Amino acid sequence: MAQLEYPVVIAPLSAADGGGFIATVPDLPGCMSDGETPEAAVHNVQDAIAAWIQAAHELGRSVPSPSPHQAIA
């Protein structure tokens, strides 16, 4: 299966939350990861996307198509 590209939203984490950045995937509920830099968060969320899609397939659930906003915010 070809890798689908989902929009990713990057936001800073507070010091109370450990600092760094969080990457969330709005099209895939609950799909997120973090990293010390925005680039690390984007890199790490790719594994989370793959795991989310694999779990959906294993559970017999549909995988939403990426929304048309193909950008990292």
N, C-alpha and C. Protein backbone atom coordinates (compact mmCIF):
# COMPACT_ATOMS: atom_id res chain seq x y z
N MET A 1 0.84 -1.17 0.00
CA MET A 1 0.00 0.00 0.00
C MET A 1 0.89 1.25 0.00
N ALA A 2 0.55 2.23 -0.80
CA ALA A 2 1.31 3.47 -0.86
C ALA A 2 1.14 4.25 0.43
N GLN A 3 2.19 4.95 0.81
CA GLN A 3 2.13 5.77 2.01
C GLN A 3 1.18 6.95 1.77
N LEU A 4 0.19 7.09 2.59
CA LEU A 4 -0.72 8.22 2.50
C LEU A 4 -0.11 9.38 3.27
N GLU A 5 -0.31 10.58 2.78
CA GLU A 5 0.24 11.74 3.46
C GLU A 5 -0.88 12.53 4.13
N TYR A 6 -0.79 12.62 5.43
CA TYR A 6 -1.78 13.31 6.23
C TYR A 6 -1.23 14.64 6.72
N PRO A 7 -2.06 15.67 6.79
CA PRO A 7 -1.62 16.93 7.39
C PRO A 7 -1.25 16.70 8.87
N VAL A 8 -0.23 17.41 9.30
CA VAL A 8 0.26 17.30 10.67
C VAL A 8 0.27 18.70 11.29
N VAL A 9 -0.20 18.80 12.52
CA VAL A 9 -0.19 20.07 13.25
C VAL A 9 0.86 19.97 14.35
N ILE A 10 1.77 20.94 14.36
CA ILE A 10 2.85 20.98 15.34
C ILE A 10 2.56 22.10 16.35
N ALA A 11 2.73 21.80 17.63
CA ALA A 11 2.53 22.81 18.67
C ALA A 11 3.59 22.62 19.75
N PRO A 12 4.04 23.70 20.36
CA PRO A 12 5.00 23.56 21.47
C PRO A 12 4.33 22.98 22.70
N LEU A 13 5.09 22.22 23.45
CA LEU A 13 4.63 21.70 24.74
C LEU A 13 5.16 22.60 25.84
N SER A 14 4.37 22.78 26.87
CA SER A 14 4.82 23.60 28.01
C SER A 14 5.93 22.88 28.77
N ALA A 15 6.66 23.65 29.54
CA ALA A 15 7.71 23.06 30.38
C ALA A 15 7.11 22.03 31.33
N ALA A 16 5.89 22.28 31.82
CA ALA A 16 5.22 21.34 32.72
C ALA A 16 4.94 20.01 32.03
N ASP A 17 4.78 20.05 30.70
CA ASP A 17 4.54 18.83 29.93
C ASP A 17 5.83 18.24 29.38
N GLY A 18 6.96 18.77 29.79
CA GLY A 18 8.24 18.21 29.37
C GLY A 18 8.94 18.98 28.27
N GLY A 19 8.30 20.04 27.77
CA GLY A 19 8.91 20.82 26.70
C GLY A 19 8.90 20.08 25.38
N GLY A 20 9.55 20.64 24.39
CA GLY A 20 9.57 20.05 23.07
C GLY A 20 8.32 20.41 22.29
N PHE A 21 7.95 19.53 21.37
CA PHE A 21 6.83 19.79 20.48
C PHE A 21 5.97 18.55 20.33
N ILE A 22 4.68 18.76 20.09
CA ILE A 22 3.75 17.67 19.84
C ILE A 22 3.27 17.78 18.39
N ALA A 23 3.17 16.64 17.74
CA ALA A 23 2.65 16.55 16.38
C ALA A 23 1.37 15.74 16.43
N THR A 24 0.27 16.33 15.96
CA THR A 24 -1.01 15.63 15.93
C THR A 24 -1.48 15.51 14.48
N VAL A 25 -2.29 14.49 14.23
CA VAL A 25 -2.82 14.21 12.90
C VAL A 25 -4.33 14.32 13.00
N PRO A 26 -4.89 15.49 12.63
CA PRO A 26 -6.33 15.70 12.80
C PRO A 26 -7.21 14.68 12.09
N ASP A 27 -6.76 14.13 10.97
CA ASP A 27 -7.57 13.16 10.23
C ASP A 27 -7.64 11.80 10.92
N LEU A 28 -6.71 11.53 11.85
CA LEU A 28 -6.65 10.23 12.53
C LEU A 28 -6.79 10.46 14.03
N PRO A 29 -8.00 10.39 14.56
CA PRO A 29 -8.23 10.71 15.98
C PRO A 29 -7.29 9.95 16.92
N GLY A 30 -6.66 10.70 17.80
CA GLY A 30 -5.77 10.12 18.78
C GLY A 30 -4.36 9.87 18.28
N CYS A 31 -4.09 10.14 17.01
CA CYS A 31 -2.77 9.89 16.44
C CYS A 31 -1.88 11.10 16.72
N MET A 32 -0.80 10.86 17.47
CA MET A 32 0.11 11.95 17.84
C MET A 32 1.44 11.38 18.27
N SER A 33 2.43 12.25 18.30
CA SER A 33 3.75 11.91 18.83
C SER A 33 4.42 13.21 19.24
N ASP A 34 5.61 13.13 19.79
CA ASP A 34 6.30 14.34 20.19
C ASP A 34 7.78 14.22 19.85
N GLY A 35 8.50 15.31 20.09
CA GLY A 35 9.93 15.33 19.84
C GLY A 35 10.52 16.60 20.43
N GLU A 36 11.85 16.62 20.55
CA GLU A 36 12.53 17.79 21.11
C GLU A 36 12.47 18.99 20.18
N THR A 37 12.36 18.75 18.87
CA THR A 37 12.27 19.81 17.87
C THR A 37 11.03 19.56 17.01
N PRO A 38 10.57 20.58 16.28
CA PRO A 38 9.45 20.33 15.37
C PRO A 38 9.76 19.23 14.36
N GLU A 39 10.98 19.22 13.86
CA GLU A 39 11.38 18.19 12.88
C GLU A 39 11.35 16.79 13.49
N ALA A 40 11.79 16.67 14.73
CA ALA A 40 11.76 15.37 15.40
C ALA A 40 10.33 14.92 15.63
N ALA A 41 9.45 15.85 15.99
CA ALA A 41 8.04 15.49 16.19
C ALA A 41 7.42 14.99 14.90
N VAL A 42 7.71 15.67 13.77
CA VAL A 42 7.19 15.23 12.47
C VAL A 42 7.73 13.86 12.12
N HIS A 43 9.02 13.65 12.33
CA HIS A 43 9.62 12.34 12.05
C HIS A 43 8.95 11.25 12.90
N ASN A 44 8.79 11.52 14.18
CA ASN A 44 8.22 10.52 15.09
C ASN A 44 6.75 10.24 14.79
N VAL A 45 6.00 11.22 14.34
CA VAL A 45 4.57 11.01 14.09
C VAL A 45 4.37 10.09 12.87
N GLN A 46 5.36 9.97 12.00
CA GLN A 46 5.21 9.06 10.86
C GLN A 46 5.03 7.62 11.34
N ASP A 47 5.76 7.23 12.39
CA ASP A 47 5.58 5.89 12.97
C ASP A 47 4.19 5.76 13.59
N ALA A 48 3.71 6.83 14.22
CA ALA A 48 2.38 6.80 14.83
C ALA A 48 1.30 6.66 13.76
N ILE A 49 1.48 7.32 12.62
CA ILE A 49 0.52 7.19 11.51
C ILE A 49 0.48 5.76 11.02
N ALA A 50 1.65 5.17 10.81
CA ALA A 50 1.71 3.78 10.33
C ALA A 50 1.05 2.83 11.33
N ALA A 51 1.31 3.04 12.63
CA ALA A 51 0.71 2.18 13.66
C ALA A 51 -0.80 2.37 13.71
N TRP A 52 -1.27 3.60 13.56
CA TRP A 52 -2.70 3.90 13.58
C TRP A 52 -3.40 3.17 12.43
N ILE A 53 -2.82 3.27 11.24
CA ILE A 53 -3.41 2.62 10.06
C ILE A 53 -3.40 1.11 10.22
N GLN A 54 -2.30 0.56 10.72
CA GLN A 54 -2.22 -0.89 10.92
C GLN A 54 -3.27 -1.36 11.93
N ALA A 55 -3.42 -0.64 13.03
CA ALA A 55 -4.41 -1.02 14.04
C ALA A 55 -5.82 -0.94 13.46
N ALA A 56 -6.10 0.09 12.67
CA ALA A 56 -7.43 0.21 12.05
C ALA A 56 -7.71 -0.99 11.16
N HIS A 57 -6.73 -1.38 10.35
CA HIS A 57 -6.91 -2.55 9.49
C HIS A 57 -7.14 -3.82 10.30
N GLU A 58 -6.36 -4.01 11.36
CA GLU A 58 -6.50 -5.20 12.21
C GLU A 58 -7.86 -5.26 12.88
N LEU A 59 -8.43 -4.10 13.18
CA LEU A 59 -9.74 -4.04 13.82
C LEU A 59 -10.89 -4.01 12.82
N GLY A 60 -10.56 -4.03 11.54
CA GLY A 60 -11.58 -3.99 10.50
C GLY A 60 -12.24 -2.63 10.35
N ARG A 61 -11.56 -1.60 10.78
CA ARG A 61 -12.11 -0.24 10.68
C ARG A 61 -11.58 0.45 9.43
N SER A 62 -12.34 1.39 8.93
CA SER A 62 -11.91 2.12 7.74
C SER A 62 -10.84 3.15 8.12
N VAL A 63 -10.02 3.46 7.15
CA VAL A 63 -8.97 4.46 7.32
C VAL A 63 -9.39 5.69 6.53
N PRO A 64 -9.54 6.83 7.19
CA PRO A 64 -9.96 8.02 6.46
C PRO A 64 -8.91 8.45 5.44
N SER A 65 -9.37 9.02 4.35
CA SER A 65 -8.46 9.59 3.37
C SER A 65 -7.87 10.86 3.95
N PRO A 66 -6.65 11.19 3.53
CA PRO A 66 -6.08 12.46 4.00
C PRO A 66 -6.94 13.64 3.52
N SER A 67 -7.06 14.63 4.39
CA SER A 67 -7.79 15.83 3.99
C SER A 67 -6.98 16.56 2.94
N PRO A 68 -7.61 17.43 2.18
CA PRO A 68 -6.91 18.09 1.07
C PRO A 68 -5.85 19.09 1.49
N HIS A 69 -5.72 19.39 2.76
CA HIS A 69 -4.72 20.35 3.21
C HIS A 69 -3.39 19.63 3.41
N GLN A 70 -2.62 19.51 2.37
CA GLN A 70 -1.36 18.77 2.40
C GLN A 70 -0.20 19.63 2.86
N ALA A 71 -0.25 20.06 4.11
CA ALA A 71 0.82 20.92 4.63
C ALA A 71 1.04 20.62 6.09
N ILE A 72 2.20 20.99 6.55
CA ILE A 72 2.50 20.88 7.96
C ILE A 72 2.28 22.27 8.56
N ALA A 73 1.45 22.35 9.57
CA ALA A 73 1.13 23.65 10.17
C ALA A 73 1.96 23.84 11.42
